[in-house]
Amino acid sequence: PTMGVDIGSKNELHEMIKDLAGKGMGLLVISDDIPELLQICNRILLMRRGRIVEEITPEQTDENQLAAKLIED
């Protein structure tokens, strides 16, 4: 959600997302920025053709594995 955003604002947004999630608020983040997803999400749902095909946590994967899953067919 931070493409084109300066680094300071990006960090502020990440902190706000983490703070709200820490307070129990559910947030939906849609992004193709894998490092960002691994940093700010506690659950990642992979979708293909409008359907959820896999649910993983950042602890269960890394950038390379997640990228490979995204291009699977």
PDB file of N, CA and C in Angstrom:
ATOM      1  N   PRO A   1       0.805  -1.220   0.000  1.00  0.00           N
ATOM      2  CA  PRO A   1       0.000   0.000   0.000  1.00  0.00           C
ATOM      3  C   PRO A   1       0.840   1.273   0.000  1.00  0.00           C
ATOM      4  N   THR A   2       2.176   1.138  -0.177  1.00  0.00           N
ATOM      5  CA  THR A   2       3.012   2.328  -0.037  1.00  0.00           C
ATOM      6  C   THR A   2       3.857   2.637  -1.270  1.00  0.00           C
ATOM      7  N   MET A   3       3.510   2.095  -2.414  1.00  0.00           N
ATOM      8  CA  MET A   3       4.274   2.406  -3.622  1.00  0.00           C
ATOM      9  C   MET A   3       4.182   3.906  -3.895  1.00  0.00           C
ATOM     10  N   GLY A   4       5.324   4.534  -4.122  1.00  0.00           N
ATOM     11  CA  GLY A   4       5.347   5.958  -4.409  1.00  0.00           C
ATOM     12  C   GLY A   4       5.317   6.847  -3.183  1.00  0.00           C
ATOM     13  N   VAL A   5       5.315   6.253  -1.996  1.00  0.00           N
ATOM     14  CA  VAL A   5       5.276   7.015  -0.746  1.00  0.00           C
ATOM     15  C   VAL A   5       6.703   7.162  -0.233  1.00  0.00           C
ATOM     16  N   ASP A   6       7.038   8.359   0.278  1.00  0.00           N
ATOM     17  CA  ASP A   6       8.394   8.562   0.782  1.00  0.00           C
ATOM     18  C   ASP A   6       8.652   7.679   2.000  1.00  0.00           C
ATOM     19  N   ILE A   7       9.923   7.401   2.275  1.00  0.00           N
ATOM     20  CA  ILE A   7      10.309   6.438   3.309  1.00  0.00           C
ATOM     21  C   ILE A   7       9.783   6.820   4.688  1.00  0.00           C
ATOM     22  N   GLY A   8       9.773   8.103   5.015  1.00  0.00           N
ATOM     23  CA  GLY A   8       9.265   8.528   6.319  1.00  0.00           C
ATOM     24  C   GLY A   8       7.784   8.226   6.469  1.00  0.00           C
ATOM     25  N   SER A   9       7.014   8.565   5.449  1.00  0.00           N
ATOM     26  CA  SER A   9       5.570   8.298   5.484  1.00  0.00           C
ATOM     27  C   SER A   9       5.292   6.805   5.461  1.00  0.00           C
ATOM     28  N   LYS A  10       6.115   6.072   4.726  1.00  0.00           N
ATOM     29  CA  LYS A  10       5.967   4.618   4.655  1.00  0.00           C
ATOM     30  C   LYS A  10       6.138   4.007   6.045  1.00  0.00           C
ATOM     31  N   ASN A  11       7.167   4.435   6.764  1.00  0.00           N
ATOM     32  CA  ASN A  11       7.395   3.918   8.114  1.00  0.00           C
ATOM     33  C   ASN A  11       6.254   4.289   9.052  1.00  0.00           C
ATOM     34  N   GLU A  12       5.740   5.519   8.931  1.00  0.00           N
ATOM     35  CA  GLU A  12       4.605   5.943   9.755  1.00  0.00           C
ATOM     36  C   GLU A  12       3.382   5.071   9.477  1.00  0.00           C
ATOM     37  N   LEU A  13       3.117   4.806   8.218  1.00  0.00           N
ATOM     38  CA  LEU A  13       1.971   3.976   7.847  1.00  0.00           C
ATOM     39  C   LEU A  13       2.130   2.560   8.382  1.00  0.00           C
ATOM     40  N   HIS A  14       3.325   2.003   8.271  1.00  0.00           N
ATOM     41  CA  HIS A  14       3.577   0.657   8.803  1.00  0.00           C
ATOM     42  C   HIS A  14       3.333   0.619  10.308  1.00  0.00           C
ATOM     43  N   GLU A  15       3.805   1.625  11.022  1.00  0.00           N
ATOM     44  CA  GLU A  15       3.603   1.677  12.472  1.00  0.00           C
ATOM     45  C   GLU A  15       2.121   1.795  12.810  1.00  0.00           C
ATOM     46  N   MET A  16       1.382   2.599  12.043  1.00  0.00           N
ATOM     47  CA  MET A  16      -0.049   2.750  12.279  1.00  0.00           C
ATOM     48  C   MET A  16      -0.769   1.418  12.052  1.00  0.00           C
ATOM     49  N   ILE A  17      -0.413   0.716  10.989  1.00  0.00           N
ATOM     50  CA  ILE A  17      -1.023  -0.584  10.704  1.00  0.00           C
ATOM     51  C   ILE A  17      -0.742  -1.561  11.839  1.00  0.00           C
ATOM     52  N   LYS A  18       0.505  -1.629  12.283  1.00  0.00           N
ATOM     53  CA  LYS A  18       0.874  -2.537  13.371  1.00  0.00           C
ATOM     54  C   LYS A  18       0.164  -2.164  14.662  1.00  0.00           C
ATOM     55  N   ASP A  19       0.040  -0.860  14.940  1.00  0.00           N
ATOM     56  CA  ASP A  19      -0.633  -0.395  16.152  1.00  0.00           C
ATOM     57  C   ASP A  19      -2.110  -0.785  16.138  1.00  0.00           C
ATOM     58  N   LEU A  20      -2.787  -0.544  15.034  1.00  0.00           N
ATOM     59  CA  LEU A  20      -4.208  -0.893  14.931  1.00  0.00           C
ATOM     60  C   LEU A  20      -4.413  -2.402  15.037  1.00  0.00           C
ATOM     61  N   ALA A  21      -3.559  -3.165  14.381  1.00  0.00           N
ATOM     62  CA  ALA A  21      -3.664  -4.625  14.463  1.00  0.00           C
ATOM     63  C   ALA A  21      -3.413  -5.093  15.890  1.00  0.00           C
ATOM     64  N   GLY A  22      -2.466  -4.455  16.572  1.00  0.00           N
ATOM     65  CA  GLY A  22      -2.177  -4.800  17.962  1.00  0.00           C
ATOM     66  C   GLY A  22      -3.339  -4.518  18.891  1.00  0.00           C
ATOM     67  N   LYS A  23      -4.216  -3.609  18.488  1.00  0.00           N
ATOM     68  CA  LYS A  23      -5.407  -3.284  19.274  1.00  0.00           C
ATOM     69  C   LYS A  23      -6.587  -4.171  18.894  1.00  0.00           C
ATOM     70  N   GLY A  24      -6.335  -5.147  18.037  1.00  0.00           N
ATOM     71  CA  GLY A  24      -7.376  -6.099  17.674  1.00  0.00           C
ATOM     72  C   GLY A  24      -8.176  -5.743  16.438  1.00  0.00           C
ATOM     73  N   MET A  25      -7.821  -4.689  15.758  1.00  0.00           N
ATOM     74  CA  MET A  25      -8.554  -4.303  14.559  1.00  0.00           C
ATOM     75  C   MET A  25      -8.081  -5.135  13.374  1.00  0.00           C
ATOM     76  N   GLY A  26      -9.011  -5.651  12.619  1.00  0.00           N
ATOM     77  CA  GLY A  26      -8.673  -6.391  11.411  1.00  0.00           C
ATOM     78  C   GLY A  26      -8.425  -5.423  10.266  1.00  0.00           C
ATOM     79  N   LEU A  27      -7.353  -5.624   9.550  1.00  0.00           N
ATOM     80  CA  LEU A  27      -7.005  -4.750   8.430  1.00  0.00           C
ATOM     81  C   LEU A  27      -6.754  -5.595   7.192  1.00  0.00           C
ATOM     82  N   LEU A  28      -7.209  -5.118   6.066  1.00  0.00           N
ATOM     83  CA  LEU A  28      -6.968  -5.789   4.795  1.00  0.00           C
ATOM     84  C   LEU A  28      -5.932  -4.986   4.021  1.00  0.00           C
ATOM     85  N   VAL A  29      -4.813  -5.620   3.717  1.00  0.00           N
ATOM     86  CA  VAL A  29      -3.741  -4.981   2.958  1.00  0.00           C
ATOM     87  C   VAL A  29      -3.603  -5.745   1.645  1.00  0.00           C
ATOM     88  N   ILE A  30      -3.714  -5.042   0.552  1.00  0.00           N
ATOM     89  CA  ILE A  30      -3.555  -5.666  -0.760  1.00  0.00           C
ATOM     90  C   ILE A  30      -2.292  -5.088  -1.382  1.00  0.00           C
ATOM     91  N   SER A  31      -1.336  -5.956  -1.680  1.00  0.00           N
ATOM     92  CA  SER A  31      -0.052  -5.485  -2.185  1.00  0.00           C
ATOM     93  C   SER A  31       0.670  -6.602  -2.920  1.00  0.00           C
ATOM     94  N   ASP A  32       1.547  -6.204  -3.831  1.00  0.00           N
ATOM     95  CA  ASP A  32       2.441  -7.174  -4.455  1.00  0.00           C
ATOM     96  C   ASP A  32       3.878  -6.937  -3.993  1.00  0.00           C
ATOM     97  N   ASP A  33       4.044  -6.106  -2.966  1.00  0.00           N
ATOM     98  CA  ASP A  33       5.356  -5.811  -2.387  1.00  0.00           C
ATOM     99  C   ASP A  33       5.640  -6.856  -1.307  1.00  0.00           C
ATOM    100  N   ILE A  34       6.318  -7.928  -1.696  1.00  0.00           N
ATOM    101  CA  ILE A  34       6.527  -9.073  -0.807  1.00  0.00           C
ATOM    102  C   ILE A  34       7.249  -8.708   0.481  1.00  0.00           C
ATOM    103  N   PRO A  35       8.361  -7.976   0.439  1.00  0.00           N
ATOM    104  CA  PRO A  35       9.018  -7.620   1.707  1.00  0.00           C
ATOM    105  C   PRO A  35       8.093  -6.838   2.644  1.00  0.00           C
ATOM    106  N   GLU A  36       7.294  -5.952   2.069  1.00  0.00           N
ATOM    107  CA  GLU A  36       6.357  -5.177   2.876  1.00  0.00           C
ATOM    108  C   GLU A  36       5.310  -6.090   3.514  1.00  0.00           C
ATOM    109  N   LEU A  37       4.767  -7.016   2.746  1.00  0.00           N
ATOM    110  CA  LEU A  37       3.780  -7.948   3.294  1.00  0.00           C
ATOM    111  C   LEU A  37       4.359  -8.759   4.444  1.00  0.00           C
ATOM    112  N   LEU A  38       5.577  -9.247   4.260  1.00  0.00           N
ATOM    113  CA  LEU A  38       6.211 -10.052   5.307  1.00  0.00           C
ATOM    114  C   LEU A  38       6.486  -9.228   6.557  1.00  0.00           C
ATOM    115  N   GLN A  39       6.686  -7.934   6.394  1.00  0.00           N
ATOM    116  CA  GLN A  39       6.992  -7.063   7.518  1.00  0.00           C
ATOM    117  C   GLN A  39       5.752  -6.668   8.313  1.00  0.00           C
ATOM    118  N   ILE A  40       4.639  -6.383   7.640  1.00  0.00           N
ATOM    119  CA  ILE A  40       3.499  -5.801   8.353  1.00  0.00           C
ATOM    120  C   ILE A  40       2.315  -6.740   8.559  1.00  0.00           C
ATOM    121  N   CYS A  41       2.301  -7.884   7.904  1.00  0.00           N
ATOM    122  CA  CYS A  41       1.141  -8.779   8.010  1.00  0.00           C
ATOM    123  C   CYS A  41       1.404  -9.920   8.983  1.00  0.00           C
ATOM    124  N   ASN A  42       0.338 -10.366   9.653  1.00  0.00           N
ATOM    125  CA  ASN A  42       0.477 -11.560  10.488  1.00  0.00           C
ATOM    126  C   ASN A  42      -0.166 -12.771   9.830  1.00  0.00           C
ATOM    127  N   ARG A  43      -0.840 -12.530   8.708  1.00  0.00           N
ATOM    128  CA  ARG A  43      -1.458 -13.610   7.942  1.00  0.00           C
ATOM    129  C   ARG A  43      -1.515 -13.165   6.492  1.00  0.00           C
ATOM    130  N   ILE A  44      -1.159 -14.059   5.589  1.00  0.00           N
ATOM    131  CA  ILE A  44      -1.151 -13.741   4.162  1.00  0.00           C
ATOM    132  C   ILE A  44      -2.039 -14.749   3.443  1.00  0.00           C
ATOM    133  N   LEU A  45      -3.005 -14.235   2.704  1.00  0.00           N
ATOM    134  CA  LEU A  45      -3.889 -15.086   1.909  1.00  0.00           C
ATOM    135  C   LEU A  45      -3.517 -14.905   0.443  1.00  0.00           C
ATOM    136  N   LEU A  46      -3.202 -15.993  -0.220  1.00  0.00           N
ATOM    137  CA  LEU A  46      -2.888 -15.943  -1.650  1.00  0.00           C
ATOM    138  C   LEU A  46      -4.158 -16.232  -2.434  1.00  0.00           C
ATOM    139  N   MET A  47      -4.419 -15.396  -3.427  1.00  0.00           N
ATOM    140  CA  MET A  47      -5.617 -15.573  -4.243  1.00  0.00           C
ATOM    141  C   MET A  47      -5.230 -15.822  -5.688  1.00  0.00           C
ATOM    142  N   ARG A  48      -6.017 -16.662  -6.328  1.00  0.00           N
ATOM    143  CA  ARG A  48      -5.873 -16.934  -7.748  1.00  0.00           C
ATOM    144  C   ARG A  48      -7.269 -16.979  -8.353  1.00  0.00           C
ATOM    145  N   ARG A  49      -7.452 -16.196  -9.396  1.00  0.00           N
ATOM    146  CA  ARG A  49      -8.749 -16.148 -10.087  1.00  0.00           C
ATOM    147  C   ARG A  49      -9.904 -15.883  -9.116  1.00  0.00           C
ATOM    148  N   GLY A  50      -9.663 -14.985  -8.156  1.00  0.00           N
ATOM    149  CA  GLY A  50     -10.711 -14.573  -7.230  1.00  0.00           C
ATOM    150  C   GLY A  50     -10.973 -15.511  -6.076  1.00  0.00           C
ATOM    151  N   ARG A  51     -10.165 -16.541  -5.914  1.00  0.00           N
ATOM    152  CA  ARG A  51     -10.360 -17.505  -4.828  1.00  0.00           C
ATOM    153  C   ARG A  51      -9.104 -17.608  -3.973  1.00  0.00           C
ATOM    154  N   ILE A  52      -9.315 -17.758  -2.680  1.00  0.00           N
ATOM    155  CA  ILE A  52      -8.194 -17.962  -1.766  1.00  0.00           C
ATOM    156  C   ILE A  52      -7.675 -19.377  -1.973  1.00  0.00           C
ATOM    157  N   VAL A  53      -6.385 -19.488  -2.282  1.00  0.00           N
ATOM    158  CA  VAL A  53      -5.795 -20.801  -2.543  1.00  0.00           C
ATOM    159  C   VAL A  53      -4.818 -21.230  -1.452  1.00  0.00           C
ATOM    160  N   GLU A  54      -4.383 -20.280  -0.623  1.00  0.00           N
ATOM    161  CA  GLU A  54      -3.454 -20.645   0.443  1.00  0.00           C
ATOM    162  C   GLU A  54      -3.438 -19.559   1.508  1.00  0.00           C
ATOM    163  N   GLU A  55      -3.273 -19.994   2.751  1.00  0.00           N
ATOM    164  CA  GLU A  55      -3.105 -19.077   3.875  1.00  0.00           C
ATOM    165  C   GLU A  55      -1.798 -19.426   4.570  1.00  0.00           C
ATOM    166  N   ILE A  56      -0.942 -18.436   4.735  1.00  0.00           N
ATOM    167  CA  ILE A  56       0.346 -18.650   5.388  1.00  0.00           C
ATOM    168  C   ILE A  56       0.656 -17.467   6.299  1.00  0.00           C
ATOM    169  N   THR A  57       1.617 -17.662   7.174  1.00  0.00           N
ATOM    170  CA  THR A  57       2.098 -16.576   8.019  1.00  0.00           C
ATOM    171  C   THR A  57       3.509 -16.203   7.569  1.00  0.00           C
ATOM    172  N   PRO A  58       3.957 -15.004   7.888  1.00  0.00           N
ATOM    173  CA  PRO A  58       5.328 -14.620   7.530  1.00  0.00           C
ATOM    174  C   PRO A  58       6.375 -15.577   8.102  1.00  0.00           C
ATOM    175  N   GLU A  59       6.081 -16.180   9.242  1.00  0.00           N
ATOM    176  CA  GLU A  59       7.016 -17.125   9.849  1.00  0.00           C
ATOM    177  C   GLU A  59       7.134 -18.423   9.050  1.00  0.00           C
ATOM    178  N   GLN A  60       6.145 -18.726   8.227  1.00  0.00           N
ATOM    179  CA  GLN A  60       6.130 -19.967   7.455  1.00  0.00           C
ATOM    180  C   GLN A  60       6.796 -19.841   6.087  1.00  0.00           C
ATOM    181  N   THR A  61       7.230 -18.636   5.729  1.00  0.00           N
ATOM    182  CA  THR A  61       7.750 -18.434   4.377  1.00  0.00           C
ATOM    183  C   THR A  61       8.841 -17.374   4.367  1.00  0.00           C
ATOM    184  N   ASP A  62       9.423 -17.164   3.220  1.00  0.00           N
ATOM    185  CA  ASP A  62      10.374 -16.070   3.025  1.00  0.00           C
ATOM    186  C   ASP A  62      10.083 -15.435   1.666  1.00  0.00           C
ATOM    187  N   GLU A  63      10.840 -14.411   1.310  1.00  0.00           N
ATOM    188  CA  GLU A  63      10.577 -13.690   0.060  1.00  0.00           C
ATOM    189  C   GLU A  63      10.598 -14.600  -1.161  1.00  0.00           C
ATOM    190  N   ASN A  64      11.589 -15.466  -1.257  1.00  0.00           N
ATOM    191  CA  ASN A  64      11.709 -16.338  -2.431  1.00  0.00           C
ATOM    192  C   ASN A  64      10.569 -17.344  -2.515  1.00  0.00           C
ATOM    193  N   GLN A  65      10.219 -17.958  -1.396  1.00  0.00           N
ATOM    194  CA  GLN A  65       9.126 -18.937  -1.398  1.00  0.00           C
ATOM    195  C   GLN A  65       7.802 -18.267  -1.741  1.00  0.00           C
ATOM    196  N   LEU A  66       7.563 -17.093  -1.167  1.00  0.00           N
ATOM    197  CA  LEU A  66       6.313 -16.397  -1.435  1.00  0.00           C
ATOM    198  C   LEU A  66       6.237 -15.960  -2.898  1.00  0.00           C
ATOM    199  N   ALA A  67       7.333 -15.479  -3.440  1.00  0.00           N
ATOM    200  CA  ALA A  67       7.360 -15.092  -4.855  1.00  0.00           C
ATOM    201  C   ALA A  67       7.057 -16.294  -5.747  1.00  0.00           C
ATOM    202  N   ALA A  68       7.622 -17.444  -5.421  1.00  0.00           N
ATOM    203  CA  ALA A  68       7.373 -18.657  -6.205  1.00  0.00           C
ATOM    204  C   ALA A  68       5.901 -19.046  -6.142  1.00  0.00           C
ATOM    205  N   LYS A  69       5.299 -18.918  -4.969  1.00  0.00           N
ATOM    206  CA  LYS A  69       3.879 -19.251  -4.828  1.00  0.00           C
ATOM    207  C   LYS A  69       3.006 -18.302  -5.651  1.00  0.00           C
ATOM    208  N   LEU A  70       3.415 -17.053  -5.739  1.00  0.00           N
ATOM    209  CA  LEU A  70       2.624 -16.071  -6.476  1.00  0.00           C
ATOM    210  C   LEU A  70       2.598 -16.339  -7.976  1.00  0.00           C
ATOM    211  N   ILE A  71       3.638 -16.971  -8.501  1.00  0.00           N
ATOM    212  CA  ILE A  71       3.666 -17.213  -9.949  1.00  0.00           C
ATOM    213  C   ILE A  71       3.237 -18.627 -10.328  1.00  0.00           C
ATOM    214  N   GLU A  72       2.947 -19.459  -9.325  1.00  0.00           N
ATOM    215  CA  GLU A  72       2.444 -20.808  -9.622  1.00  0.00           C
ATOM    216  C   GLU A  72       1.122 -20.695 -10.353  1.00  0.00           C
ATOM    217  N   ASP A  73       0.805 -21.719 -11.114  1.00  0.00           N
ATOM    218  CA  ASP A  73      -0.503 -21.724 -11.775  1.00  0.00           C
ATOM    219  C   ASP A  73      -1.308 -22.901 -11.339  1.00  0.00           C
TER     220      ASP A  73
END
